[in-house]
Amino acid sequence: MIKISDLQAKDVVNVQDGQKLGQIHDVEIDLKMGQIKAIVVPAESKLFGLISGGKEWVIPWRQIVKIGTDVILVRLHSTTSPHEYYDNLSSTQPPFLPPSPED
């Protein structure tokens, strides 16, 4: 089992270009289905990480490649900007949260 607070402590990295996107700020949950729909990562922040300009990466759960001990690897197109990415994906349902190796 993994807690949301554990996910928030991990860096999110795009495997397409190696870009560090940041850390998870929030998650979108489908309460009816009992599934995590997406993770939310604030876009590049300005002014010592205090201001992000309101933009964020909303990354569908199915785009997560691997959840490691220190990092979450995601697959995004490197030319895509925050907001555009989520809007351009199909609306298929994300999988359930996978069990951790400790289970």
C-alpha atoms as a PDB file:
ATOM      1  CA  MET A   1       0.000   0.000   0.000  1.00  0.00           C
ATOM      2  CA  ILE A   2       1.203   3.538  -0.706  1.00  0.00           C
ATOM      3  CA  LYS A   3      -0.065   6.774   0.827  1.00  0.00           C
ATOM      4  CA  ILE A   4      -0.707   9.978  -1.090  1.00  0.00           C
ATOM      5  CA  SER A   5       1.775  11.717   1.212  1.00  0.00           C
ATOM      6  CA  ASP A   6       4.418   9.191   0.056  1.00  0.00           C
ATOM      7  CA  LEU A   7       3.629  10.017  -3.581  1.00  0.00           C
ATOM      8  CA  GLN A   8       3.912  13.753  -2.869  1.00  0.00           C
ATOM      9  CA  ALA A   9       7.496  13.320  -1.635  1.00  0.00           C
ATOM     10  CA  LYS A  10       8.673  11.833  -4.957  1.00  0.00           C
ATOM     11  CA  ASP A  11       9.969  13.765  -7.965  1.00  0.00           C
ATOM     12  CA  VAL A  12       8.001  13.353 -11.208  1.00  0.00           C
ATOM     13  CA  VAL A  13      10.229  12.870 -14.284  1.00  0.00           C
ATOM     14  CA  ASN A  14       9.256  12.607 -17.943  1.00  0.00           C
ATOM     15  CA  VAL A  15      10.964   9.566 -19.527  1.00  0.00           C
ATOM     16  CA  GLN A  16      10.593  11.092 -23.021  1.00  0.00           C
ATOM     17  CA  ASP A  17      13.092  13.899 -22.400  1.00  0.00           C
ATOM     18  CA  GLY A  18      14.361  13.433 -18.818  1.00  0.00           C
ATOM     19  CA  GLN A  19      12.716  16.672 -17.654  1.00  0.00           C
ATOM     20  CA  LYS A  20      11.959  16.916 -13.947  1.00  0.00           C
ATOM     21  CA  LEU A  21       8.385  18.211 -13.757  1.00  0.00           C
ATOM     22  CA  GLY A  22       8.255  18.676  -9.985  1.00  0.00           C
ATOM     23  CA  GLN A  23       6.385  16.923  -7.190  1.00  0.00           C
ATOM     24  CA  ILE A  24       2.755  15.898  -6.944  1.00  0.00           C
ATOM     25  CA  HIS A  25       0.601  18.667  -5.533  1.00  0.00           C
ATOM     26  CA  ASP A  26      -2.763  16.939  -5.808  1.00  0.00           C
ATOM     27  CA  VAL A  27      -4.564  13.910  -7.234  1.00  0.00           C
ATOM     28  CA  GLU A  28      -7.859  13.567  -9.084  1.00  0.00           C
ATOM     29  CA  ILE A  29      -9.947  10.678  -7.770  1.00  0.00           C
ATOM     30  CA  ASP A  30     -13.009   9.092  -9.339  1.00  0.00           C
ATOM     31  CA  LEU A  31     -14.974   8.353  -6.167  1.00  0.00           C
ATOM     32  CA  LYS A  32     -17.625   6.356  -8.010  1.00  0.00           C
ATOM     33  CA  MET A  33     -15.048   3.983  -9.529  1.00  0.00           C
ATOM     34  CA  GLY A  34     -12.585   4.111  -6.624  1.00  0.00           C
ATOM     35  CA  GLN A  35      -9.705   5.030  -8.946  1.00  0.00           C
ATOM     36  CA  ILE A  36      -7.025   7.673  -9.137  1.00  0.00           C
ATOM     37  CA  LYS A  37      -7.750   9.478 -12.387  1.00  0.00           C
ATOM     38  CA  ALA A  38      -4.689  11.749 -12.572  1.00  0.00           C
ATOM     39  CA  ILE A  39      -1.826  13.309 -10.658  1.00  0.00           C
ATOM     40  CA  VAL A  40      -1.410  17.084 -10.577  1.00  0.00           C
ATOM     41  CA  VAL A  41       2.058  18.647 -10.689  1.00  0.00           C
ATOM     42  CA  PRO A  42       2.474  22.450 -10.622  1.00  0.00           C
ATOM     43  CA  ALA A  43       4.310  23.769 -13.696  1.00  0.00           C
ATOM     44  CA  GLU A  44       7.653  25.534 -13.341  1.00  0.00           C
ATOM     45  CA  SER A  45       7.447  27.762 -10.331  1.00  0.00           C
ATOM     46  CA  LYS A  46       8.877  31.239 -10.110  1.00  0.00           C
ATOM     47  CA  LEU A  47      10.131  33.163  -7.115  1.00  0.00           C
ATOM     48  CA  PHE A  48      11.667  30.418  -4.946  1.00  0.00           C
ATOM     49  CA  GLY A  49       8.904  27.905  -5.690  1.00  0.00           C
ATOM     50  CA  LEU A  50       6.160  30.098  -4.258  1.00  0.00           C
ATOM     51  CA  ILE A  51       4.356  31.143  -7.452  1.00  0.00           C
ATOM     52  CA  SER A  52       3.534  28.779 -10.305  1.00  0.00           C
ATOM     53  CA  GLY A  53       1.503  31.123 -12.499  1.00  0.00           C
ATOM     54  CA  GLY A  54      -1.551  28.904 -12.064  1.00  0.00           C
ATOM     55  CA  LYS A  55      -0.429  26.354 -14.656  1.00  0.00           C
ATOM     56  CA  GLU A  56      -0.128  22.691 -13.784  1.00  0.00           C
ATOM     57  CA  TRP A  57       0.505  19.324 -15.356  1.00  0.00           C
ATOM     58  CA  VAL A  58      -2.571  17.107 -15.009  1.00  0.00           C
ATOM     59  CA  ILE A  59      -1.101  13.704 -15.836  1.00  0.00           C
ATOM     60  CA  PRO A  60      -3.514  10.802 -16.377  1.00  0.00           C
ATOM     61  CA  TRP A  61      -2.728   7.766 -14.241  1.00  0.00           C
ATOM     62  CA  ARG A  62      -2.220   5.603 -17.349  1.00  0.00           C
ATOM     63  CA  GLN A  63       0.757   7.803 -18.319  1.00  0.00           C
ATOM     64  CA  ILE A  64       2.688   6.698 -15.215  1.00  0.00           C
ATOM     65  CA  VAL A  65       5.418   4.288 -16.286  1.00  0.00           C
ATOM     66  CA  LYS A  66       6.903   3.391 -12.892  1.00  0.00           C
ATOM     67  CA  ILE A  67       6.695   4.442  -9.263  1.00  0.00           C
ATOM     68  CA  GLY A  68      10.119   4.034  -7.695  1.00  0.00           C
ATOM     69  CA  THR A  69      11.480   4.716  -4.230  1.00  0.00           C
ATOM     70  CA  ASP A  70      12.465   8.333  -5.023  1.00  0.00           C
ATOM     71  CA  VAL A  71      10.872   9.114  -8.376  1.00  0.00           C
ATOM     72  CA  ILE A  72       7.709   8.697 -10.440  1.00  0.00           C
ATOM     73  CA  LEU A  73       8.395   8.184 -14.145  1.00  0.00           C
ATOM     74  CA  VAL A  74       5.751   9.431 -16.578  1.00  0.00           C
ATOM     75  CA  ARG A  75       5.543   9.390 -20.367  1.00  0.00           C
ATOM     76  CA  LEU A  76       4.606  12.801 -21.833  1.00  0.00           C
ATOM     77  CA  HIS A  77       5.395  14.307 -25.220  1.00  0.00           C
ATOM     78  CA  SER A  78       8.189  16.817 -24.641  1.00  0.00           C
ATOM     79  CA  THR A  79       6.550  19.498 -26.822  1.00  0.00           C
ATOM     80  CA  THR A  80       3.330  19.471 -24.843  1.00  0.00           C
ATOM     81  CA  SER A  81       2.673  22.246 -22.347  1.00  0.00           C
ATOM     82  CA  PRO A  82       0.680  22.005 -19.107  1.00  0.00           C
ATOM     83  CA  HIS A  83      -3.117  21.928 -19.555  1.00  0.00           C
ATOM     84  CA  GLU A  84      -2.824  20.984 -23.271  1.00  0.00           C
ATOM     85  CA  TYR A  85      -1.654  17.505 -22.399  1.00  0.00           C
ATOM     86  CA  TYR A  86      -4.663  16.395 -20.406  1.00  0.00           C
ATOM     87  CA  ASP A  87      -7.150  17.921 -22.841  1.00  0.00           C
ATOM     88  CA  ASN A  88      -5.709  16.037 -25.837  1.00  0.00           C
ATOM     89  CA  LEU A  89      -5.885  12.526 -24.360  1.00  0.00           C
ATOM     90  CA  SER A  90      -8.700  10.062 -24.857  1.00  0.00           C
ATOM     91  CA  SER A  91     -11.067   9.528 -21.955  1.00  0.00           C
ATOM     92  CA  THR A  92     -10.308   5.878 -21.184  1.00  0.00           C
ATOM     93  CA  GLN A  93     -10.461   4.933 -17.527  1.00  0.00           C
ATOM     94  CA  PRO A  94      -7.159   4.732 -15.615  1.00  0.00           C
ATOM     95  CA  PRO A  95      -6.189   1.483 -13.891  1.00  0.00           C
ATOM     96  CA  PHE A  96      -6.425   0.957 -10.164  1.00  0.00           C
ATOM     97  CA  LEU A  97      -3.458   1.931  -8.022  1.00  0.00           C
ATOM     98  CA  PRO A  98      -0.990  -0.971  -8.278  1.00  0.00           C
ATOM     99  CA  PRO A  99       0.017  -2.752  -5.069  1.00  0.00           C
ATOM    100  CA  SER A 100       3.438  -1.977  -3.707  1.00  0.00           C
ATOM    101  CA  PRO A 101       6.068  -4.718  -3.353  1.00  0.00           C
ATOM    102  CA  GLU A 102       5.572  -4.734   0.441  1.00  0.00           C
ATOM    103  CA  ASP A 103       1.991  -6.080   0.090  1.00  0.00           C
END
